[in-house]
C-alpha atoms as a PDB file:
ATOM      1  CA  MET A   1      28.764 -12.350 -11.637  1.00  0.00           C
ATOM      2  CA  THR A   2      31.703 -11.058 -13.679  1.00  0.00           C
ATOM      3  CA  ASP A   3      29.825  -7.885 -14.571  1.00  0.00           C
ATOM      4  CA  PHE A   4      28.773  -7.379 -10.960  1.00  0.00           C
ATOM      5  CA  LEU A   5      32.325  -7.756  -9.635  1.00  0.00           C
ATOM      6  CA  MET A   6      33.785  -5.382 -12.201  1.00  0.00           C
ATOM      7  CA  GLN A   7      31.077  -2.795 -11.581  1.00  0.00           C
ATOM      8  CA  PHE A   8      31.182  -3.100  -7.785  1.00  0.00           C
ATOM      9  CA  TYR A   9      34.966  -2.761  -7.606  1.00  0.00           C
ATOM     10  CA  GLU A  10      34.983   0.163 -10.003  1.00  0.00           C
ATOM     11  CA  GLU A  11      34.378   2.582  -7.114  1.00  0.00           C
ATOM     12  CA  VAL A  12      35.589   0.449  -4.195  1.00  0.00           C
ATOM     13  CA  PRO A  13      39.148  -0.849  -3.941  1.00  0.00           C
ATOM     14  CA  PRO A  14      39.107  -4.654  -4.221  1.00  0.00           C
ATOM     15  CA  PRO A  15      40.358  -6.726  -1.283  1.00  0.00           C
ATOM     16  CA  LYS A  16      43.309  -9.098  -1.573  1.00  0.00           C
ATOM     17  CA  ARG A  17      40.982 -12.101  -1.666  1.00  0.00           C
ATOM     18  CA  ILE A  18      37.421 -12.382  -2.980  1.00  0.00           C
ATOM     19  CA  LEU A  19      35.439 -15.441  -1.896  1.00  0.00           C
ATOM     20  CA  LEU A  20      32.598 -16.629  -4.135  1.00  0.00           C
ATOM     21  CA  ASP A  21      29.925 -19.271  -3.645  1.00  0.00           C
ATOM     22  CA  ARG A  22      30.111 -20.393  -7.288  1.00  0.00           C
ATOM     23  CA  GLU A  23      32.594 -21.010 -10.036  1.00  0.00           C
ATOM     24  CA  LEU A  24      33.483 -17.999 -12.108  1.00  0.00           C
ATOM     25  CA  PRO A  25      34.524 -19.108 -15.614  1.00  0.00           C
ATOM     26  CA  GLU A  26      36.436 -15.848 -16.152  1.00  0.00           C
ATOM     27  CA  ALA A  27      38.041 -15.872 -12.691  1.00  0.00           C
ATOM     28  CA  THR A  28      41.581 -15.546 -14.030  1.00  0.00           C
ATOM     29  CA  LEU A  29      40.684 -12.653 -16.287  1.00  0.00           C
ATOM     30  CA  VAL A  30      38.700 -10.859 -13.564  1.00  0.00           C
ATOM     31  CA  SER A  31      41.507 -11.439 -11.059  1.00  0.00           C
ATOM     32  CA  GLU A  32      44.039  -9.933 -13.457  1.00  0.00           C
ATOM     33  CA  ALA A  33      41.839  -6.915 -14.179  1.00  0.00           C
ATOM     34  CA  LEU A  34      41.189  -6.264 -10.486  1.00  0.00           C
ATOM     35  CA  SER A  35      44.867  -6.788  -9.669  1.00  0.00           C
ATOM     36  CA  GLU A  36      45.791  -4.179 -12.231  1.00  0.00           C
ATOM     37  CA  ARG A  37      43.221  -1.752 -10.858  1.00  0.00           C
ATOM     38  CA  ALA A  38      44.351  -2.343  -7.255  1.00  0.00           C
ATOM     39  CA  GLU A  39      48.042  -2.349  -8.179  1.00  0.00           C
ATOM     40  CA  ARG A  40      48.505  -5.559  -6.172  1.00  0.00           C
ATOM     41  CA  LYS A  41      47.482  -9.189  -6.503  1.00  0.00           C
ATOM     42  CA  VAL A  42      43.773  -9.939  -6.077  1.00  0.00           C
ATOM     43  CA  GLU A  43      42.762 -13.595  -5.737  1.00  0.00           C
ATOM     44  CA  ILE A  44      39.312 -14.997  -6.510  1.00  0.00           C
ATOM     45  CA  GLU A  45      38.455 -18.236  -4.719  1.00  0.00           C
ATOM     46  CA  ARG A  46      35.566 -20.622  -4.320  1.00  0.00           C
ATOM     47  CA  PRO A  47      36.220 -22.381  -1.001  1.00  0.00           C
ATOM     48  CA  GLN A  48      35.260 -26.054  -0.856  1.00  0.00           C
ATOM     49  CA  ARG A  49      35.706 -26.680   2.892  1.00  0.00           C
ATOM     50  CA  GLY A  50      36.933 -25.167   6.119  1.00  0.00           C
ATOM     51  CA  ALA A  51      36.537 -21.736   7.671  1.00  0.00           C
ATOM     52  CA  ARG A  52      36.245 -19.900   4.353  1.00  0.00           C
ATOM     53  CA  LYS A  53      33.440 -22.206   3.224  1.00  0.00           C
ATOM     54  CA  LYS A  54      31.628 -21.526   6.521  1.00  0.00           C
ATOM     55  CA  LEU A  55      32.127 -17.795   5.953  1.00  0.00           C
ATOM     56  CA  ILE A  56      30.458 -18.059   2.533  1.00  0.00           C
ATOM     57  CA  GLU A  57      27.544 -20.026   4.047  1.00  0.00           C
ATOM     58  CA  GLN A  58      27.101 -17.412   6.801  1.00  0.00           C
ATOM     59  CA  ALA A  59      27.150 -14.596   4.229  1.00  0.00           C
ATOM     60  CA  ARG A  60      24.443 -16.395   2.228  1.00  0.00           C
ATOM     61  CA  ARG A  61      22.270 -16.845   5.344  1.00  0.00           C
ATOM     62  CA  ASN A  62      22.723 -13.170   6.251  1.00  0.00           C
ATOM     63  CA  ALA A  63      21.761 -12.094   2.722  1.00  0.00           C
ATOM     64  CA  GLU A  64      18.660 -14.312   2.718  1.00  0.00           C
ATOM     65  CA  GLU A  65      17.548 -12.983   6.117  1.00  0.00           C
ATOM     66  CA  ALA A  66      18.147  -9.376   5.044  1.00  0.00           C
ATOM     67  CA  LEU A  67      16.098  -9.954   1.888  1.00  0.00           C
ATOM     68  CA  GLU A  68      13.268 -11.517   3.904  1.00  0.00           C
ATOM     69  CA  ARG A  69      13.285  -8.547   6.316  1.00  0.00           C
ATOM     70  CA  ARG A  70      13.270  -6.046   3.462  1.00  0.00           C
ATOM     71  CA  MET A  71      10.394  -7.844   1.717  1.00  0.00           C
ATOM     72  CA  ALA A  72       8.386  -7.985   4.964  1.00  0.00           C
ATOM     73  CA  GLU A  73       9.011  -4.279   5.642  1.00  0.00           C
ATOM     74  CA  SER A  74       8.067  -3.419   2.068  1.00  0.00           C
ATOM     75  CA  THR A  75       4.817  -5.376   2.355  1.00  0.00           C
ATOM     76  CA  THR A  76       3.991  -3.684   5.664  1.00  0.00           C
ATOM     77  CA  GLN A  77       4.878  -0.266   4.254  1.00  0.00           C
ATOM     78  CA  GLY A  78       2.664  -0.921   1.228  1.00  0.00           C
ATOM     79  CA  LYS A  79      -0.270  -1.864   3.454  1.00  0.00           C
ATOM     80  CA  LEU A  80       0.168   1.271   5.568  1.00  0.00           C
ATOM     81  CA  LEU A  81       0.275   3.501   2.491  1.00  0.00           C
ATOM     82  CA  ALA A  82      -2.848   1.804   1.081  1.00  0.00           C
ATOM     83  CA  GLU A  83      -4.662   2.432   4.378  1.00  0.00           C
ATOM     84  CA  LEU A  84      -3.484   6.044   4.349  1.00  0.00           C
ATOM     85  CA  ALA A  85      -4.805   6.502   0.806  1.00  0.00           C
ATOM     86  CA  GLU A  86      -8.149   5.019   1.829  1.00  0.00           C
ATOM     87  CA  PHE A  87      -8.380   7.200   4.949  1.00  0.00           C
ATOM     88  CA  PHE A  88      -7.658  10.421   3.034  1.00  0.00           C
ATOM     89  CA  GLU A  89      -9.651   9.261  -0.001  1.00  0.00           C
ATOM     90  CA  LEU A  90      -6.638   9.524  -2.304  1.00  0.00           C
ATOM     91  CA  PRO A  91      -6.847   7.985  -5.787  1.00  0.00           C
ATOM     92  CA  GLU A  92      -3.765   5.864  -5.041  1.00  0.00           C
ATOM     93  CA  PRO A  93      -1.238   5.342  -2.232  1.00  0.00           C
ATOM     94  CA  PRO A  94       1.349   8.128  -1.965  1.00  0.00           C
ATOM     95  CA  LYS A  95       4.719   7.420  -3.570  1.00  0.00           C
ATOM     96  CA  ARG A  96       6.501  10.007  -1.448  1.00  0.00           C
ATOM     97  CA  ILE A  97       5.823  11.515   1.964  1.00  0.00           C
ATOM     98  CA  GLU A  98       7.859  14.443   3.233  1.00  0.00           C
ATOM     99  CA  VAL A  99       7.914  15.359   6.927  1.00  0.00           C
ATOM    100  CA  TYR A 100       9.238  18.725   8.123  1.00  0.00           C
ATOM    101  CA  ASP A 101      10.443  20.011  11.471  1.00  0.00           C
ATOM    102  CA  ASN A 102      12.450  22.955  12.715  1.00  0.00           C
ATOM    103  CA  SER A 103      14.473  23.622  15.811  1.00  0.00           C
ATOM    104  CA  HIS A 104      17.011  25.897  17.449  1.00  0.00           C
ATOM    105  CA  ILE A 105      19.333  25.811  20.411  1.00  0.00           C
ATOM    106  CA  MET A 106      18.339  28.539  22.862  1.00  0.00           C
ATOM    107  CA  GLY A 107      17.649  30.973  20.040  1.00  0.00           C
ATOM    108  CA  THR A 108      20.711  30.124  17.934  1.00  0.00           C
ATOM    109  CA  SER A 109      21.557  27.612  15.205  1.00  0.00           C
ATOM    110  CA  ALA A 110      18.069  27.650  13.704  1.00  0.00           C
ATOM    111  CA  THR A 111      17.609  24.632  11.457  1.00  0.00           C
ATOM    112  CA  GLY A 112      14.848  22.990   9.470  1.00  0.00           C
ATOM    113  CA  ALA A 113      14.817  19.346   8.418  1.00  0.00           C
ATOM    114  CA  MET A 114      12.959  17.216   5.909  1.00  0.00           C
ATOM    115  CA  ILE A 115      12.746  13.440   6.050  1.00  0.00           C
ATOM    116  CA  VAL A 116      11.281  11.382   3.222  1.00  0.00           C
ATOM    117  CA  ALA A 117       9.474   8.045   3.103  1.00  0.00           C
ATOM    118  CA  GLY A 118       8.025   6.013   0.270  1.00  0.00           C
ATOM    119  CA  PRO A 119       6.756   2.524  -0.516  1.00  0.00           C
ATOM    120  CA  GLU A 120      10.173   1.017   0.242  1.00  0.00           C
ATOM    121  CA  GLY A 121      10.534   2.819   3.592  1.00  0.00           C
ATOM    122  CA  PHE A 122      12.646   5.800   4.583  1.00  0.00           C
ATOM    123  CA  ARG A 123      14.729   7.345   1.791  1.00  0.00           C
ATOM    124  CA  LYS A 124      17.687   8.651   3.752  1.00  0.00           C
ATOM    125  CA  ASN A 125      19.454   9.890   0.631  1.00  0.00           C
ATOM    126  CA  SER A 126      16.529  12.311   0.129  1.00  0.00           C
ATOM    127  CA  TYR A 127      16.713  13.861   3.609  1.00  0.00           C
ATOM    128  CA  ARG A 128      17.515  17.591   3.623  1.00  0.00           C
ATOM    129  CA  LYS A 129      18.671  20.101   6.202  1.00  0.00           C
ATOM    130  CA  PHE A 130      17.851  23.802   5.916  1.00  0.00           C
ATOM    131  CA  ASN A 131      19.798  26.470   7.765  1.00  0.00           C
ATOM    132  CA  ILE A 132      17.245  29.139   8.669  1.00  0.00           C
ATOM    133  CA  LYS A 133      18.397  32.427   7.157  1.00  0.00           C
ATOM    134  CA  SER A 134      15.688  35.034   7.618  1.00  0.00           C
ATOM    135  CA  ALA A 135      13.079  33.912  10.148  1.00  0.00           C
ATOM    136  CA  ARG A 136      13.433  34.753  13.831  1.00  0.00           C
ATOM    137  CA  THR A 137      14.159  31.739  16.029  1.00  0.00           C
ATOM    138  CA  ASP A 138      11.233  32.610  18.322  1.00  0.00           C
ATOM    139  CA  ASP A 139       8.859  32.354  15.333  1.00  0.00           C
ATOM    140  CA  ASP A 140       8.276  28.642  14.680  1.00  0.00           C
ATOM    141  CA  PHE A 141       5.715  29.403  11.967  1.00  0.00           C
ATOM    142  CA  GLY A 142       8.115  31.803  10.243  1.00  0.00           C
ATOM    143  CA  MET A 143      10.901  29.222  10.364  1.00  0.00           C
ATOM    144  CA  MET A 144       8.589  26.568   8.891  1.00  0.00           C
ATOM    145  CA  ARG A 145       7.384  29.017   6.229  1.00  0.00           C
ATOM    146  CA  GLU A 146      11.002  29.644   5.182  1.00  0.00           C
ATOM    147  CA  VAL A 147      11.775  25.929   4.992  1.00  0.00           C
ATOM    148  CA  LEU A 148       8.648  25.148   2.957  1.00  0.00           C
ATOM    149  CA  GLU A 149       9.122  28.128   0.617  1.00  0.00           C
ATOM    150  CA  ARG A 150      12.696  27.074  -0.074  1.00  0.00           C
ATOM    151  CA  ARG A 151      11.688  23.434  -0.551  1.00  0.00           C
ATOM    152  CA  PHE A 152       8.848  24.205  -2.954  1.00  0.00           C
ATOM    153  CA  ALA A 153      10.921  26.765  -4.862  1.00  0.00           C
ATOM    154  CA  ARG A 154      13.504  24.033  -5.356  1.00  0.00           C
ATOM    155  CA  LEU A 155      10.814  21.533  -6.385  1.00  0.00           C
ATOM    156  CA  GLU A 156       9.439  23.985  -8.951  1.00  0.00           C
ATOM    157  CA  LYS A 157      12.933  24.725 -10.272  1.00  0.00           C
ATOM    158  CA  ASP A 158      13.819  21.011 -10.573  1.00  0.00           C
ATOM    159  CA  ASP A 159      10.496  19.825 -12.011  1.00  0.00           C
ATOM    160  CA  PRO A 160       8.174  22.637 -13.137  1.00  0.00           C
ATOM    161  CA  ASP A 161       5.675  20.117 -14.593  1.00  0.00           C
ATOM    162  CA  ARG A 162       4.910  18.728 -11.113  1.00  0.00           C
ATOM    163  CA  SER A 163       4.113  22.071  -9.558  1.00  0.00           C
ATOM    164  CA  SER A 164       1.065  24.241 -10.084  1.00  0.00           C
ATOM    165  CA  ALA A 165      -0.377  27.526  -8.911  1.00  0.00           C
ATOM    166  CA  ASN A 166      -1.743  25.698  -5.853  1.00  0.00           C
ATOM    167  CA  GLY A 167       1.605  24.146  -4.874  1.00  0.00           C
ATOM    168  CA  PRO A 168       2.996  20.664  -5.460  1.00  0.00           C
ATOM    169  CA  THR A 169       0.709  17.848  -6.445  1.00  0.00           C
ATOM    170  CA  CYS A 170       0.083  14.750  -4.425  1.00  0.00           C
ATOM    171  CA  CYS A 171       1.610  11.373  -5.015  1.00  0.00           C
END
């Protein structure tokens, strides 16, 4: 827990009071270190009763429910990917699926987008937006060609071992 707290509050400013559901043997030391980092007093408490105890219990319930939801979604996602692999006769379920689209607003602001999904669900940190530079906005195929050429050029640049003369490999 000590390592987690120190790592978590390395990037995020610590609050004035941190409530824990368990004793922290190094609470004084951690409190002093976080206080120094925050340049103000940071208290670490383990509430025994009252509103703060109820807050800890609610946080635990929320965490358990979120974990259950994530595990259920992951199981469902895994089943869907297995079915997809079977349908397309793939050797194994895909680890990454990229979906592309392009659009414009009445002939201006041409944009392409890529969303990404994998066994754990959507990977929002992998989404990409492409500003269309050369294709005409009335040419959907040309806009898509530009997006895909730029994406695969980037893929080849980042990981030349995964690309081949026939384009990127599956899975």
